[in-house]
Amino acid sequence: MNVCTFVGDISRLEDFGSYAEIDIDVPEYYTNSRGEKKVDWTVVPCRAYSTAGEYLTKNAHRGDHIAVRAMFKTDNYFRVNEFKIIKD
């Protein structure tokens, strides 16, 4: 099954009418060979269609923490199946 889960921060959110595009900054924490703690960031492009896209454009903002379950599509983006906006 083609299902991925990402947890990160929204870095971009745009409404395109029939869908919303969001970029999620996902951190990867590790310790390098010198024992220093580091973090690398990966940007995950996602699209949310229909009511999910409408909800995100109205209720989510840049910098919000979000958890997303999505499927990879051949156009190099992930299609959002489920999400949860995590407010402080």
PDB file of N, CA and C in Angstrom:
ATOM      1  N   MET A   1       0.845  -1.184   0.000  1.00  0.00           N
ATOM      2  CA  MET A   1       0.000   0.000   0.000  1.00  0.00           C
ATOM      3  C   MET A   1       0.887   1.243   0.000  1.00  0.00           C
ATOM      4  N   ASN A   2       0.502   2.240  -0.722  1.00  0.00           N
ATOM      5  CA  ASN A   2       1.251   3.463  -0.892  1.00  0.00           C
ATOM      6  C   ASN A   2       0.749   4.532   0.092  1.00  0.00           C
ATOM      7  N   VAL A   3       1.107   4.394   1.372  1.00  0.00           N
ATOM      8  CA  VAL A   3       0.676   5.365   2.378  1.00  0.00           C
ATOM      9  C   VAL A   3       1.898   5.824   3.159  1.00  0.00           C
ATOM     10  N   CYS A   4       2.039   7.146   3.303  1.00  0.00           N
ATOM     11  CA  CYS A   4       3.149   7.739   4.040  1.00  0.00           C
ATOM     12  C   CYS A   4       2.588   8.645   5.128  1.00  0.00           C
ATOM     13  N   THR A   5       3.325   8.763   6.220  1.00  0.00           N
ATOM     14  CA  THR A   5       2.937   9.662   7.305  1.00  0.00           C
ATOM     15  C   THR A   5       4.066  10.656   7.530  1.00  0.00           C
ATOM     16  N   PHE A   6       3.714  11.944   7.597  1.00  0.00           N
ATOM     17  CA  PHE A   6       4.685  13.003   7.829  1.00  0.00           C
ATOM     18  C   PHE A   6       4.203  13.881   8.974  1.00  0.00           C
ATOM     19  N   VAL A   7       5.140  14.310   9.790  1.00  0.00           N
ATOM     20  CA  VAL A   7       4.845  15.276  10.851  1.00  0.00           C
ATOM     21  C   VAL A   7       5.879  16.380  10.733  1.00  0.00           C
ATOM     22  N   GLY A   8       5.403  17.617  10.624  1.00  0.00           N
ATOM     23  CA  GLY A   8       6.316  18.745  10.478  1.00  0.00           C
ATOM     24  C   GLY A   8       5.574  20.063  10.549  1.00  0.00           C
ATOM     25  N   ASP A   9       6.214  21.093  10.036  1.00  0.00           N
ATOM     26  CA  ASP A   9       5.659  22.445  10.058  1.00  0.00           C
ATOM     27  C   ASP A   9       5.288  22.888   8.648  1.00  0.00           C
ATOM     28  N   ILE A  10       4.172  23.604   8.534  1.00  0.00           N
ATOM     29  CA  ILE A  10       3.744  24.118   7.237  1.00  0.00           C
ATOM     30  C   ILE A  10       4.645  25.287   6.848  1.00  0.00           C
ATOM     31  N   SER A  11       5.308  25.170   5.693  1.00  0.00           N
ATOM     32  CA  SER A  11       6.164  26.267   5.234  1.00  0.00           C
ATOM     33  C   SER A  11       5.514  27.062   4.101  1.00  0.00           C
ATOM     34  N   ARG A  12       4.534  26.451   3.418  1.00  0.00           N
ATOM     35  CA  ARG A  12       3.823  27.140   2.343  1.00  0.00           C
ATOM     36  C   ARG A  12       2.422  26.558   2.250  1.00  0.00           C
ATOM     37  N   LEU A  13       1.449  27.442   2.039  1.00  0.00           N
ATOM     38  CA  LEU A  13       0.056  27.027   1.888  1.00  0.00           C
ATOM     39  C   LEU A  13      -0.600  27.930   0.867  1.00  0.00           C
ATOM     40  N   GLU A  14      -1.047  27.347  -0.262  1.00  0.00           N
ATOM     41  CA  GLU A  14      -1.681  28.128  -1.325  1.00  0.00           C
ATOM     42  C   GLU A  14      -2.983  27.477  -1.751  1.00  0.00           C
ATOM     43  N   ASP A  15      -3.986  28.319  -2.024  1.00  0.00           N
ATOM     44  CA  ASP A  15      -5.288  27.845  -2.493  1.00  0.00           C
ATOM     45  C   ASP A  15      -5.350  27.985  -4.010  1.00  0.00           C
ATOM     46  N   PHE A  16      -5.662  26.884  -4.694  1.00  0.00           N
ATOM     47  CA  PHE A  16      -5.789  26.892  -6.147  1.00  0.00           C
ATOM     48  C   PHE A  16      -7.218  26.608  -6.587  1.00  0.00           C
ATOM     49  N   GLY A  17      -8.170  26.882  -5.716  1.00  0.00           N
ATOM     50  CA  GLY A  17      -9.581  26.686  -6.050  1.00  0.00           C
ATOM     51  C   GLY A  17     -10.045  25.266  -5.822  1.00  0.00           C
ATOM     52  N   SER A  18      -9.689  24.353  -6.717  1.00  0.00           N
ATOM     53  CA  SER A  18     -10.133  22.968  -6.570  1.00  0.00           C
ATOM     54  C   SER A  18      -9.236  22.153  -5.636  1.00  0.00           C
ATOM     55  N   TYR A  19      -8.094  22.698  -5.262  1.00  0.00           N
ATOM     56  CA  TYR A  19      -7.203  22.028  -4.314  1.00  0.00           C
ATOM     57  C   TYR A  19      -6.305  23.053  -3.627  1.00  0.00           C
ATOM     58  N   ALA A  20      -5.667  22.614  -2.550  1.00  0.00           N
ATOM     59  CA  ALA A  20      -4.697  23.445  -1.840  1.00  0.00           C
ATOM     60  C   ALA A  20      -3.345  22.739  -1.889  1.00  0.00           C
ATOM     61  N   GLU A  21      -2.295  23.510  -2.092  1.00  0.00           N
ATOM     62  CA  GLU A  21      -0.941  22.961  -2.044  1.00  0.00           C
ATOM     63  C   GLU A  21      -0.291  23.390  -0.745  1.00  0.00           C
ATOM     64  N   ILE A  22       0.321  22.432  -0.068  1.00  0.00           N
ATOM     65  CA  ILE A  22       1.066  22.755   1.143  1.00  0.00           C
ATOM     66  C   ILE A  22       2.440  22.108   1.054  1.00  0.00           C
ATOM     67  N   ASP A  23       3.427  22.813   1.566  1.00  0.00           N
ATOM     68  CA  ASP A  23       4.761  22.253   1.740  1.00  0.00           C
ATOM     69  C   ASP A  23       4.965  22.059   3.229  1.00  0.00           C
ATOM     70  N   ILE A  24       5.425  20.868   3.592  1.00  0.00           N
ATOM     71  CA  ILE A  24       5.657  20.539   4.991  1.00  0.00           C
ATOM     72  C   ILE A  24       7.147  20.361   5.205  1.00  0.00           C
ATOM     73  N   ASP A  25       7.707  21.110   6.157  1.00  0.00           N
ATOM     74  CA  ASP A  25       9.110  20.946   6.536  1.00  0.00           C
ATOM     75  C   ASP A  25       9.190  19.835   7.576  1.00  0.00           C
ATOM     76  N   VAL A  26       9.834  18.729   7.203  1.00  0.00           N
ATOM     77  CA  VAL A  26       9.943  17.565   8.074  1.00  0.00           C
ATOM     78  C   VAL A  26      11.390  17.467   8.571  1.00  0.00           C
ATOM     79  N   PRO A  27      11.594  17.454   9.910  1.00  0.00           N
ATOM     80  CA  PRO A  27      12.953  17.388  10.437  1.00  0.00           C
ATOM     81  C   PRO A  27      13.474  15.952  10.542  1.00  0.00           C
ATOM     82  N   GLU A  28      14.790  15.801  10.360  1.00  0.00           N
ATOM     83  CA  GLU A  28      15.470  14.537  10.620  1.00  0.00           C
ATOM     84  C   GLU A  28      16.599  14.831  11.597  1.00  0.00           C
ATOM     85  N   TYR A  29      16.484  14.294  12.798  1.00  0.00           N
ATOM     86  CA  TYR A  29      17.469  14.531  13.850  1.00  0.00           C
ATOM     87  C   TYR A  29      18.502  13.414  13.851  1.00  0.00           C
ATOM     88  N   TYR A  30      19.772  13.783  14.027  1.00  0.00           N
ATOM     89  CA  TYR A  30      20.826  12.783  14.083  1.00  0.00           C
ATOM     90  C   TYR A  30      22.027  13.360  14.824  1.00  0.00           C
ATOM     91  N   THR A  31      22.974  12.484  15.168  1.00  0.00           N
ATOM     92  CA  THR A  31      24.226  12.883  15.802  1.00  0.00           C
ATOM     93  C   THR A  31      25.349  12.563  14.833  1.00  0.00           C
ATOM     94  N   ASN A  32      26.186  13.566  14.541  1.00  0.00           N
ATOM     95  CA  ASN A  32      27.268  13.337  13.570  1.00  0.00           C
ATOM     96  C   ASN A  32      28.439  12.606  14.227  1.00  0.00           C
ATOM     97  N   SER A  33      29.489  12.363  13.455  1.00  0.00           N
ATOM     98  CA  SER A  33      30.630  11.577  13.941  1.00  0.00           C
ATOM     99  C   SER A  33      31.390  12.254  15.080  1.00  0.00           C
ATOM    100  N   ARG A  34      31.220  13.569  15.244  1.00  0.00           N
ATOM    101  CA  ARG A  34      31.875  14.285  16.349  1.00  0.00           C
ATOM    102  C   ARG A  34      30.978  14.375  17.582  1.00  0.00           C
ATOM    103  N   GLY A  35      29.817  13.744  17.522  1.00  0.00           N
ATOM    104  CA  GLY A  35      28.909  13.737  18.669  1.00  0.00           C
ATOM    105  C   GLY A  35      28.000  14.956  18.753  1.00  0.00           C
ATOM    106  N   GLU A  36      27.998  15.784  17.703  1.00  0.00           N
ATOM    107  CA  GLU A  36      27.151  16.971  17.687  1.00  0.00           C
ATOM    108  C   GLU A  36      25.754  16.600  17.212  1.00  0.00           C
ATOM    109  N   LYS A  37      24.749  17.132  17.907  1.00  0.00           N
ATOM    110  CA  LYS A  37      23.368  16.887  17.489  1.00  0.00           C
ATOM    111  C   LYS A  37      23.027  17.837  16.349  1.00  0.00           C
ATOM    112  N   LYS A  38      22.469  17.277  15.277  1.00  0.00           N
ATOM    113  CA  LYS A  38      22.155  18.035  14.076  1.00  0.00           C
ATOM    114  C   LYS A  38      20.715  17.768  13.647  1.00  0.00           C
ATOM    115  N   VAL A  39      20.228  18.631  12.769  1.00  0.00           N
ATOM    116  CA  VAL A  39      18.910  18.432  12.176  1.00  0.00           C
ATOM    117  C   VAL A  39      18.981  18.825  10.703  1.00  0.00           C
ATOM    118  N   ASP A  40      18.436  17.971   9.848  1.00  0.00           N
ATOM    119  CA  ASP A  40      18.277  18.260   8.422  1.00  0.00           C
ATOM    120  C   ASP A  40      16.780  18.368   8.151  1.00  0.00           C
ATOM    121  N   TRP A  41      16.425  19.251   7.234  1.00  0.00           N
ATOM    122  CA  TRP A  41      15.018  19.467   6.905  1.00  0.00           C
ATOM    123  C   TRP A  41      14.739  18.998   5.487  1.00  0.00           C
ATOM    124  N   THR A  42      13.618  18.325   5.307  1.00  0.00           N
ATOM    125  CA  THR A  42      13.153  17.896   3.999  1.00  0.00           C
ATOM    126  C   THR A  42      11.803  18.549   3.747  1.00  0.00           C
ATOM    127  N   VAL A  43      11.640  19.140   2.566  1.00  0.00           N
ATOM    128  CA  VAL A  43      10.361  19.752   2.201  1.00  0.00           C
ATOM    129  C   VAL A  43       9.526  18.716   1.454  1.00  0.00           C
ATOM    130  N   VAL A  44       8.331  18.455   1.961  1.00  0.00           N
ATOM    131  CA  VAL A  44       7.426  17.474   1.364  1.00  0.00           C
ATOM    132  C   VAL A  44       6.259  18.221   0.720  1.00  0.00           C
ATOM    133  N   PRO A  45       6.142  18.171  -0.619  1.00  0.00           N
ATOM    134  CA  PRO A  45       5.032  18.854  -1.296  1.00  0.00           C
ATOM    135  C   PRO A  45       3.765  18.000  -1.242  1.00  0.00           C
ATOM    136  N   CYS A  46       2.658  18.619  -0.856  1.00  0.00           N
ATOM    137  CA  CYS A  46       1.380  17.906  -0.730  1.00  0.00           C
ATOM    138  C   CYS A  46       0.263  18.694  -1.402  1.00  0.00           C
ATOM    139  N   ARG A  47      -0.783  17.959  -1.787  1.00  0.00           N
ATOM    140  CA  ARG A  47      -2.010  18.577  -2.298  1.00  0.00           C
ATOM    141  C   ARG A  47      -3.189  17.992  -1.541  1.00  0.00           C
ATOM    142  N   ALA A  48      -4.092  18.876  -1.147  1.00  0.00           N
ATOM    143  CA  ALA A  48      -5.326  18.462  -0.486  1.00  0.00           C
ATOM    144  C   ALA A  48      -6.494  18.912  -1.356  1.00  0.00           C
ATOM    145  N   TYR A  49      -7.354  17.979  -1.713  1.00  0.00           N
ATOM    146  CA  TYR A  49      -8.474  18.266  -2.601  1.00  0.00           C
ATOM    147  C   TYR A  49      -9.775  18.412  -1.822  1.00  0.00           C
ATOM    148  N   SER A  50     -10.742  19.049  -2.454  1.00  0.00           N
ATOM    149  CA  SER A  50     -12.116  19.143  -1.976  1.00  0.00           C
ATOM    150  C   SER A  50     -12.199  19.790  -0.592  1.00  0.00           C
ATOM    151  N   THR A  51     -12.972  19.195   0.301  1.00  0.00           N
ATOM    152  CA  THR A  51     -13.202  19.813   1.614  1.00  0.00           C
ATOM    153  C   THR A  51     -11.929  19.860   2.455  1.00  0.00           C
ATOM    154  N   ALA A  52     -11.012  18.921   2.252  1.00  0.00           N
ATOM    155  CA  ALA A  52      -9.747  18.955   2.991  1.00  0.00           C
ATOM    156  C   ALA A  52      -8.948  20.199   2.621  1.00  0.00           C
ATOM    157  N   GLY A  53      -8.901  20.501   1.329  1.00  0.00           N
ATOM    158  CA  GLY A  53      -8.198  21.699   0.869  1.00  0.00           C
ATOM    159  C   GLY A  53      -8.849  22.976   1.377  1.00  0.00           C
ATOM    160  N   GLU A  54     -10.181  23.019   1.358  1.00  0.00           N
ATOM    161  CA  GLU A  54     -10.909  24.185   1.867  1.00  0.00           C
ATOM    162  C   GLU A  54     -10.636  24.387   3.357  1.00  0.00           C
ATOM    163  N   TYR A  55     -10.681  23.296   4.110  1.00  0.00           N
ATOM    164  CA  TYR A  55     -10.449  23.387   5.553  1.00  0.00           C
ATOM    165  C   TYR A  55      -9.040  23.894   5.851  1.00  0.00           C
ATOM    166  N   LEU A  56      -8.057  23.359   5.146  1.00  0.00           N
ATOM    167  CA  LEU A  56      -6.671  23.785   5.380  1.00  0.00           C
ATOM    168  C   LEU A  56      -6.467  25.261   5.061  1.00  0.00           C
ATOM    169  N   THR A  57      -7.006  25.734   3.945  1.00  0.00           N
ATOM    170  CA  THR A  57      -6.800  27.142   3.593  1.00  0.00           C
ATOM    171  C   THR A  57      -7.489  28.084   4.570  1.00  0.00           C
ATOM    172  N   LYS A  58      -8.570  27.645   5.202  1.00  0.00           N
ATOM    173  CA  LYS A  58      -9.269  28.497   6.161  1.00  0.00           C
ATOM    174  C   LYS A  58      -8.698  28.416   7.571  1.00  0.00           C
ATOM    175  N   ASN A  59      -8.164  27.256   7.962  1.00  0.00           N
ATOM    176  CA  ASN A  59      -7.802  27.040   9.361  1.00  0.00           C
ATOM    177  C   ASN A  59      -6.315  26.842   9.642  1.00  0.00           C
ATOM    178  N   ALA A  60      -5.526  26.551   8.639  1.00  0.00           N
ATOM    179  CA  ALA A  60      -4.091  26.339   8.846  1.00  0.00           C
ATOM    180  C   ALA A  60      -3.317  27.582   8.428  1.00  0.00           C
ATOM    181  N   HIS A  61      -2.155  27.748   9.021  1.00  0.00           N
ATOM    182  CA  HIS A  61      -1.303  28.891   8.715  1.00  0.00           C
ATOM    183  C   HIS A  61       0.146  28.435   8.621  1.00  0.00           C
ATOM    184  N   ARG A  62       0.939  29.231   7.960  1.00  0.00           N
ATOM    185  CA  ARG A  62       2.374  28.960   7.873  1.00  0.00           C
ATOM    186  C   ARG A  62       2.945  28.875   9.287  1.00  0.00           C
ATOM    187  N   GLY A  63       3.736  27.845   9.545  1.00  0.00           N
ATOM    188  CA  GLY A  63       4.338  27.652  10.857  1.00  0.00           C
ATOM    189  C   GLY A  63       3.570  26.692  11.744  1.00  0.00           C
ATOM    190  N   ASP A  64       2.308  26.384  11.398  1.00  0.00           N
ATOM    191  CA  ASP A  64       1.542  25.414  12.188  1.00  0.00           C
ATOM    192  C   ASP A  64       2.169  24.035  12.073  1.00  0.00           C
ATOM    193  N   HIS A  65       2.087  23.290  13.160  1.00  0.00           N
ATOM    194  CA  HIS A  65       2.553  21.910  13.190  1.00  0.00           C
ATOM    195  C   HIS A  65       1.429  21.038  12.637  1.00  0.00           C
ATOM    196  N   ILE A  66       1.758  20.067  11.761  1.00  0.00           N
ATOM    197  CA  ILE A  66       0.734  19.256  11.115  1.00  0.00           C
ATOM    198  C   ILE A  66       1.219  17.815  10.973  1.00  0.00           C
ATOM    199  N   ALA A  67       0.279  16.890  11.104  1.00  0.00           N
ATOM    200  CA  ALA A  67       0.526  15.476  10.823  1.00  0.00           C
ATOM    201  C   ALA A  67      -0.331  15.118   9.614  1.00  0.00           C
ATOM    202  N   VAL A  68       0.274  14.452   8.634  1.00  0.00           N
ATOM    203  CA  VAL A  68      -0.413  14.150   7.377  1.00  0.00           C
ATOM    204  C   VAL A  68      -0.199  12.688   7.000  1.00  0.00           C
ATOM    205  N   ARG A  69      -1.281  12.009   6.602  1.00  0.00           N
ATOM    206  CA  ARG A  69      -1.188  10.706   5.940  1.00  0.00           C
ATOM    207  C   ARG A  69      -1.504  10.955   4.480  1.00  0.00           C
ATOM    208  N   ALA A  70      -0.623  10.496   3.607  1.00  0.00           N
ATOM    209  CA  ALA A  70      -0.755  10.829   2.187  1.00  0.00           C
ATOM    210  C   ALA A  70      -0.278   9.685   1.309  1.00  0.00           C
ATOM    211  N   MET A  71      -0.647   9.768   0.025  1.00  0.00           N
ATOM    212  CA  MET A  71      -0.209   8.813  -0.987  1.00  0.00           C
ATOM    213  C   MET A  71       0.664   9.552  -2.002  1.00  0.00           C
ATOM    214  N   PHE A  72       1.745   8.925  -2.436  1.00  0.00           N
ATOM    215  CA  PHE A  72       2.605   9.537  -3.444  1.00  0.00           C
ATOM    216  C   PHE A  72       1.947   9.429  -4.802  1.00  0.00           C
ATOM    217  N   LYS A  73       1.949  10.521  -5.546  1.00  0.00           N
ATOM    218  CA  LYS A  73       1.407  10.549  -6.904  1.00  0.00           C
ATOM    219  C   LYS A  73       2.552  10.737  -7.891  1.00  0.00           C
ATOM    220  N   THR A  74       2.337  10.372  -9.139  1.00  0.00           N
ATOM    221  CA  THR A  74       3.399  10.408 -10.143  1.00  0.00           C
ATOM    222  C   THR A  74       3.838  11.815 -10.530  1.00  0.00           C
ATOM    223  N   ASP A  75       3.075  12.838 -10.165  1.00  0.00           N
ATOM    224  CA  ASP A  75       3.447  14.214 -10.489  1.00  0.00           C
ATOM    225  C   ASP A  75       4.357  14.828  -9.424  1.00  0.00           C
ATOM    226  N   ASN A  76       5.012  13.988  -8.638  1.00  0.00           N
ATOM    227  CA  ASN A  76       5.963  14.415  -7.607  1.00  0.00           C
ATOM    228  C   ASN A  76       5.332  15.231  -6.482  1.00  0.00           C
ATOM    229  N   TYR A  77       4.198  14.791  -6.020  1.00  0.00           N
ATOM    230  CA  TYR A  77       3.590  15.363  -4.825  1.00  0.00           C
ATOM    231  C   TYR A  77       2.851  14.256  -4.091  1.00  0.00           C
ATOM    232  N   PHE A  78       2.472  14.540  -2.862  1.00  0.00           N
ATOM    233  CA  PHE A  78       1.715  13.601  -2.054  1.00  0.00           C
ATOM    234  C   PHE A  78       0.277  14.089  -1.957  1.00  0.00           C
ATOM    235  N   ARG A  79      -0.670  13.201  -2.181  1.00  0.00           N
ATOM    236  CA  ARG A  79      -2.086  13.540  -2.066  1.00  0.00           C
ATOM    237  C   ARG A  79      -2.528  13.255  -0.639  1.00  0.00           C
ATOM    238  N   VAL A  80      -3.048  14.282   0.039  1.00  0.00           N
ATOM    239  CA  VAL A  80      -3.436  14.185   1.437  1.00  0.00           C
ATOM    240  C   VAL A  80      -4.689  13.334   1.581  1.00  0.00           C
ATOM    241  N   ASN A  81      -4.613  12.315   2.436  1.00  0.00           N
ATOM    242  CA  ASN A  81      -5.770  11.478   2.763  1.00  0.00           C
ATOM    243  C   ASN A  81      -6.373  11.906   4.098  1.00  0.00           C
ATOM    244  N   GLU A  82      -5.527  12.126   5.078  1.00  0.00           N
ATOM    245  CA  GLU A  82      -5.943  12.544   6.409  1.00  0.00           C
ATOM    246  C   GLU A  82      -4.929  13.549   6.943  1.00  0.00           C
ATOM    247  N   PHE A  83      -5.373  14.424   7.834  1.00  0.00           N
ATOM    248  CA  PHE A  83      -4.429  15.354   8.451  1.00  0.00           C
ATOM    249  C   PHE A  83      -4.946  15.792   9.817  1.00  0.00           C
ATOM    250  N   LYS A  84      -4.042  16.298  10.609  1.00  0.00           N
ATOM    251  CA  LYS A  84      -4.380  16.853  11.917  1.00  0.00           C
ATOM    252  C   LYS A  84      -3.492  18.068  12.137  1.00  0.00           C
ATOM    253  N   ILE A  85      -4.105  19.224  12.305  1.00  0.00           N
ATOM    254  CA  ILE A  85      -3.367  20.433  12.630  1.00  0.00           C
ATOM    255  C   ILE A  85      -3.130  20.420  14.128  1.00  0.00           C
ATOM    256  N   ILE A  86      -1.886  20.580  14.528  1.00  0.00           N
ATOM    257  CA  ILE A  86      -1.523  20.496  15.941  1.00  0.00           C
ATOM    258  C   ILE A  86      -1.222  21.908  16.419  1.00  0.00           C
ATOM    259  N   LYS A  87      -2.140  22.478  17.164  1.00  0.00           N
ATOM    260  CA  LYS A  87      -1.977  23.838  17.703  1.00  0.00           C
ATOM    261  C   LYS A  87      -1.360  23.759  19.087  1.00  0.00           C
ATOM    262  N   ASP A  88      -0.554  24.762  19.409  1.00  0.00           N
ATOM    263  CA  ASP A  88       0.054  24.813  20.757  1.00  0.00           C
ATOM    264  C   ASP A  88      -0.949  25.170  21.803  1.00  0.00           C
TER     265      ASP A  88
END
